[in-house]
Amino acid sequence: IARQAGVIMLENFDGDQQLEIKSDNSPVTIADKKINSLVISELQKHFDDVIIGEEESTGEYGSGRRWFCDPIDGTAAFIFGIPTAMFSLALVEDGRPVVGVAYDPFLDKMYESARGGGSYCNDKQLHVSDKNIQQATIAIAAKIAKVRYQHIEHLLDKKIRLMTLGGAVYKACLVACGKIEGYIEVGANAHDVAAIDLILVEAGGLVTGLDGKMLDYQKPFKGAVISNKVVHQELVDSLIDELNSK
């Protein structure tokens, strides 16, 4: 399914993307819709599970088995011709991911993980870095430039190197590969994070909510902290004052 999704992404990357703006002011392309429909169609051939996609779902959040799909994570990057958009799909059981796949069709990199089985990219096992907060590079969302967040100032005060680029899944995969040490996404949804949650954990990292607690995919949430585990508490602490002020 991931490879089929990648073909659709590449076919529409430089063409007429039939861009629309959704009610939440986020963009959606014809490729997003085609891939979401593909996922539902293919999964329904084999499973009776609920499928929750960014553009189309067959049911609601809850216990039991749920598939979470982001057909194109990083749609804005995709629209602007920046090749950091990725496909992601995860199977969740009783609120926790058990299988995750994320695919970068531009570099043909397939990230995959099953609970207890490690994480791999094109069959090479992944490991997060062991760098501490003084050595860390932390990714933030590209939209951060639109809003002033206290935690960004906190990280800058710590002299941490910050980077920003489009695509939550892309940035999280950089953490899983050991390229960077962490990523804070204040607006992430369950379909953005489910696959990379497992991929990160099986690579030795940690994924939590903004409050530092384990994410529960049985209900909607907003925001995630993703790290190599070493710097995780420092990233969560940087958010405390900001969260308490809201």
Protein backbone atom coordinates (compact mmCIF):
# COMPACT_ATOMS: atom_id res chain seq x y z
CA ILE A 1 0.00 0.00 0.00
CA ALA A 2 2.82 2.39 0.88
CA ARG A 3 4.52 1.83 -2.45
CA GLN A 4 1.24 2.33 -4.33
CA ALA A 5 0.78 5.57 -2.40
CA GLY A 6 4.29 6.62 -3.39
CA VAL A 7 3.46 6.16 -7.07
CA ILE A 8 0.46 8.47 -6.69
CA MET A 9 2.60 11.07 -4.90
CA LEU A 10 5.23 11.06 -7.64
CA GLU A 11 2.63 11.21 -10.42
CA ASN A 12 1.05 14.32 -8.92
CA PHE A 13 4.13 16.06 -7.51
CA ASP A 14 4.70 18.44 -10.42
CA GLY A 15 1.30 18.28 -12.10
CA ASP A 16 -2.14 19.75 -11.52
CA GLN A 17 -2.67 18.97 -7.85
CA GLN A 18 -6.29 20.27 -7.80
CA LEU A 19 -5.58 22.13 -4.58
CA GLU A 20 -8.42 22.82 -2.16
CA ILE A 21 -8.49 24.53 1.23
CA LYS A 22 -10.35 22.65 3.96
CA SER A 23 -12.53 24.18 6.68
CA ASP A 24 -9.59 24.18 9.10
CA ASN A 25 -7.59 26.24 6.54
CA SER A 26 -5.24 23.35 5.74
CA PRO A 27 -4.53 22.34 2.13
CA VAL A 28 -5.57 19.11 0.44
CA THR A 29 -4.68 17.83 -3.03
CA ILE A 30 -6.15 15.24 -5.35
CA ALA A 31 -3.24 12.96 -4.36
CA ASP A 32 -4.26 13.14 -0.66
CA LYS A 33 -7.76 12.03 -1.57
CA LYS A 34 -6.67 9.29 -3.98
CA ILE A 35 -4.26 7.79 -1.47
CA ASN A 36 -6.75 7.91 1.40
CA SER A 37 -9.31 6.11 -0.77
CA LEU A 38 -6.67 3.59 -1.86
CA VAL A 39 -5.82 2.77 1.77
CA ILE A 40 -9.46 2.20 2.68
CA SER A 41 -10.08 0.07 -0.40
CA GLU A 42 -7.01 -2.12 0.09
CA LEU A 43 -7.39 -2.61 3.84
CA GLN A 44 -11.08 -3.50 3.52
CA LYS A 45 -10.12 -6.41 1.27
CA HIS A 46 -8.42 -8.06 4.23
CA PHE A 47 -9.71 -6.55 7.49
CA ASP A 48 -12.96 -5.46 9.13
CA ASP A 49 -11.18 -2.83 11.23
CA VAL A 50 -12.05 0.87 11.45
CA ILE A 51 -9.78 3.05 9.31
CA ILE A 52 -9.12 6.62 10.41
CA GLY A 53 -7.58 8.78 7.70
CA GLU A 54 -6.85 12.47 7.51
CA GLU A 55 -9.22 12.94 4.56
CA GLU A 56 -11.69 10.06 4.94
CA SER A 57 -12.52 7.53 7.68
CA THR A 58 -14.78 4.50 8.07
CA GLY A 59 -15.47 4.99 11.78
CA GLU A 60 -14.51 6.73 14.99
CA TYR A 61 -11.80 6.51 17.63
CA GLY A 62 -12.15 3.80 20.26
CA SER A 63 -10.72 0.59 21.69
CA GLY A 64 -9.84 -2.51 19.74
CA ARG A 65 -8.11 -2.32 16.35
CA ARG A 66 -7.86 0.89 14.36
CA TRP A 67 -5.78 1.78 11.30
CA PHE A 68 -4.43 5.36 11.22
CA CYS A 69 -3.34 6.85 7.90
CA ASP A 70 -1.86 10.14 6.81
CA PRO A 71 -1.98 9.87 3.01
CA ILE A 72 0.47 12.74 2.53
CA ASP A 73 2.09 14.10 5.65
CA GLY A 74 3.57 17.45 4.71
CA THR A 75 0.99 18.48 2.12
CA ALA A 76 2.24 22.08 2.18
CA ALA A 77 5.75 20.91 1.27
CA PHE A 78 4.27 18.66 -1.41
CA ILE A 79 2.40 21.61 -2.94
CA PHE A 80 5.53 23.78 -3.04
CA GLY A 81 7.61 21.04 -4.63
CA ILE A 82 9.68 20.31 -1.54
CA PRO A 83 10.36 16.56 -1.34
CA THR A 84 9.85 16.04 2.38
CA ALA A 85 6.25 14.79 2.16
CA MET A 86 5.72 11.18 3.24
CA PHE A 87 3.04 8.51 3.50
CA SER A 88 2.33 6.84 6.85
CA LEU A 89 0.09 4.01 8.03
CA ALA A 90 -0.19 2.29 11.41
CA LEU A 91 -2.22 -0.43 13.05
CA VAL A 92 -3.25 0.44 16.61
CA GLU A 93 -4.58 -2.04 19.16
CA ASP A 94 -6.31 -0.71 22.29
CA GLY A 95 -4.71 2.68 21.95
CA ARG A 96 -1.12 1.71 21.12
CA PRO A 97 0.59 1.19 17.72
CA VAL A 98 1.66 -2.37 16.88
CA VAL A 99 2.66 -1.98 13.21
CA GLY A 100 3.93 1.16 11.48
CA VAL A 101 5.08 2.07 7.99
CA ALA A 102 6.32 5.42 6.67
CA TYR A 103 7.43 5.85 3.07
CA ASP A 104 9.51 8.52 1.37
CA PRO A 105 8.89 8.00 -2.37
CA PHE A 106 11.38 10.67 -3.41
CA LEU A 107 14.35 8.78 -1.94
CA ASP A 108 12.61 5.38 -1.99
CA LYS A 109 13.08 4.95 1.76
CA MET A 110 10.70 2.55 3.48
CA TYR A 111 10.60 2.85 7.27
CA GLU A 112 8.85 -0.03 9.03
CA SER A 113 8.38 -1.48 12.47
CA ALA A 114 6.40 -4.11 14.35
CA ARG A 115 6.09 -4.07 18.11
CA GLY A 116 9.04 -5.86 19.67
CA GLY A 117 10.77 -6.33 16.33
CA GLY A 118 12.91 -3.22 15.97
CA SER A 119 12.74 -0.48 13.33
CA TYR A 120 14.21 -0.59 9.85
CA CYS A 121 14.76 1.61 6.82
CA ASN A 122 15.22 -0.42 3.64
CA ASP A 123 16.16 -3.41 5.85
CA LYS A 124 18.82 -1.47 7.79
CA GLN A 125 18.08 -1.37 11.51
CA LEU A 126 17.53 2.08 12.97
CA HIS A 127 18.95 3.50 16.19
CA VAL A 128 18.43 6.94 17.71
CA SER A 129 21.46 9.01 18.70
CA ASP A 130 22.82 9.15 22.25
CA LYS A 131 23.55 12.90 22.25
CA ASN A 132 22.52 14.96 25.27
CA ILE A 133 20.69 18.28 25.33
CA GLN A 134 23.89 20.35 25.02
CA GLN A 135 24.75 18.52 21.79
CA ALA A 136 21.23 18.30 20.43
CA THR A 137 19.61 19.46 17.24
CA ILE A 138 15.85 19.84 17.70
CA ALA A 139 13.32 20.14 14.91
CA ILE A 140 10.27 22.37 15.12
CA ALA A 141 7.27 22.77 12.84
CA ALA A 142 7.63 25.08 9.86
CA LYS A 143 4.48 26.95 10.94
CA ILE A 144 6.29 27.98 14.14
CA ALA A 145 7.29 31.23 12.40
CA LYS A 146 3.64 32.34 12.48
CA VAL A 147 3.24 32.15 16.26
CA ARG A 148 5.47 32.99 19.20
CA TYR A 149 5.93 29.98 21.47
CA GLN A 150 7.62 30.20 24.85
CA HIS A 151 9.27 26.79 24.51
CA ILE A 152 11.19 27.96 21.45
CA GLU A 153 12.71 30.79 23.49
CA HIS A 154 13.54 28.30 26.22
CA LEU A 155 15.39 26.07 23.76
CA LEU A 156 17.23 29.01 22.23
CA ASP A 157 18.35 30.06 25.71
CA LYS A 158 19.86 26.59 26.08
CA LYS A 159 21.89 27.20 22.88
CA ILE A 160 20.24 24.19 21.24
CA ARG A 161 20.46 24.03 17.45
CA LEU A 162 17.00 24.35 15.93
CA MET A 163 15.92 23.26 12.47
CA THR A 164 12.64 23.51 10.62
CA LEU A 165 11.32 21.92 7.46
CA GLY A 166 7.97 20.63 6.25
CA GLY A 167 6.58 17.24 7.24
CA ALA A 168 6.07 15.80 10.73
CA VAL A 169 6.83 12.25 9.60
CA TYR A 170 10.00 13.33 7.78
CA LYS A 171 11.34 15.10 10.86
CA ALA A 172 10.47 12.19 13.14
CA CYS A 173 12.27 9.79 10.82
CA LEU A 174 15.38 11.96 11.17
CA VAL A 175 15.19 11.31 14.91
CA ALA A 176 14.75 7.57 14.36
CA CYS A 177 17.82 7.55 12.11
CA GLY A 178 19.94 9.36 14.69
CA LYS A 179 20.36 12.41 12.47
CA ILE A 180 18.76 14.76 15.02
CA GLU A 181 17.78 14.34 18.67
CA GLY A 182 14.22 15.58 18.98
CA TYR A 183 11.14 17.14 17.49
CA ILE A 184 8.31 19.13 19.08
CA GLU A 185 5.00 19.36 17.22
CA VAL A 186 2.30 21.29 19.07
CA GLY A 187 -0.39 20.60 16.46
CA ALA A 188 0.15 16.91 15.64
CA ASN A 189 -2.88 14.62 15.39
CA ALA A 190 -3.14 10.86 15.85
CA HIS A 191 -2.92 10.13 12.13
CA ASP A 192 0.30 12.22 11.96
CA VAL A 193 2.02 10.34 14.75
CA ALA A 194 0.77 6.73 15.00
CA ALA A 195 3.26 5.12 12.60
CA ILE A 196 6.29 7.13 13.68
CA ASP A 197 5.45 6.53 17.36
CA LEU A 198 6.22 2.84 16.97
CA ILE A 199 9.13 3.42 14.60
CA LEU A 200 10.75 5.77 17.14
CA VAL A 201 10.15 3.57 20.16
CA GLU A 202 11.51 0.46 18.42
CA ALA A 203 14.59 2.50 17.40
CA GLY A 204 15.22 3.32 21.07
CA GLY A 205 13.47 6.68 21.20
CA LEU A 206 10.44 8.03 23.01
CA VAL A 207 7.16 9.63 21.91
CA THR A 208 4.74 11.27 24.35
CA GLY A 209 2.13 13.96 24.51
CA LEU A 210 3.17 17.53 25.25
CA ASP A 211 2.68 16.73 28.96
CA GLY A 212 5.17 13.87 28.84
CA LYS A 213 2.51 11.16 29.17
CA MET A 214 2.12 8.22 26.81
CA LEU A 215 -0.20 8.94 23.87
CA ASP A 216 -3.58 7.17 23.83
CA TYR A 217 -4.86 6.60 20.29
CA GLN A 218 -8.30 5.63 21.54
CA LYS A 219 -9.20 9.34 21.49
CA PRO A 220 -8.12 12.44 19.56
CA PHE A 221 -5.19 14.48 20.81
CA LYS A 222 -3.06 17.45 19.81
CA GLY A 223 0.70 17.63 19.97
CA ALA A 224 3.64 15.30 20.53
CA VAL A 225 7.20 15.32 21.79
CA ILE A 226 9.52 12.99 19.88
CA SER A 227 13.09 12.30 20.96
CA ASN A 228 16.08 10.01 21.35
CA LYS A 229 14.89 9.59 24.97
CA VAL A 230 18.04 11.25 26.37
CA VAL A 231 16.73 14.79 25.78
CA HIS A 232 13.06 14.01 26.25
CA GLN A 233 12.47 15.39 29.71
CA GLU A 234 14.20 18.65 28.84
CA LEU A 235 11.89 19.08 25.83
CA VAL A 236 8.81 18.36 27.95
CA ASP A 237 10.01 20.75 30.65
CA SER A 238 10.37 23.49 28.03
CA LEU A 239 6.62 23.22 27.42
CA ILE A 240 5.38 23.28 31.02
CA ASP A 241 5.06 27.05 31.51
CA GLU A 242 3.47 27.43 28.09
CA LEU A 243 0.87 24.74 28.75
CA ASN A 244 0.07 26.08 32.22
CA SER A 245 -0.53 29.57 30.85
CA LYS A 246 -3.31 28.35 28.51
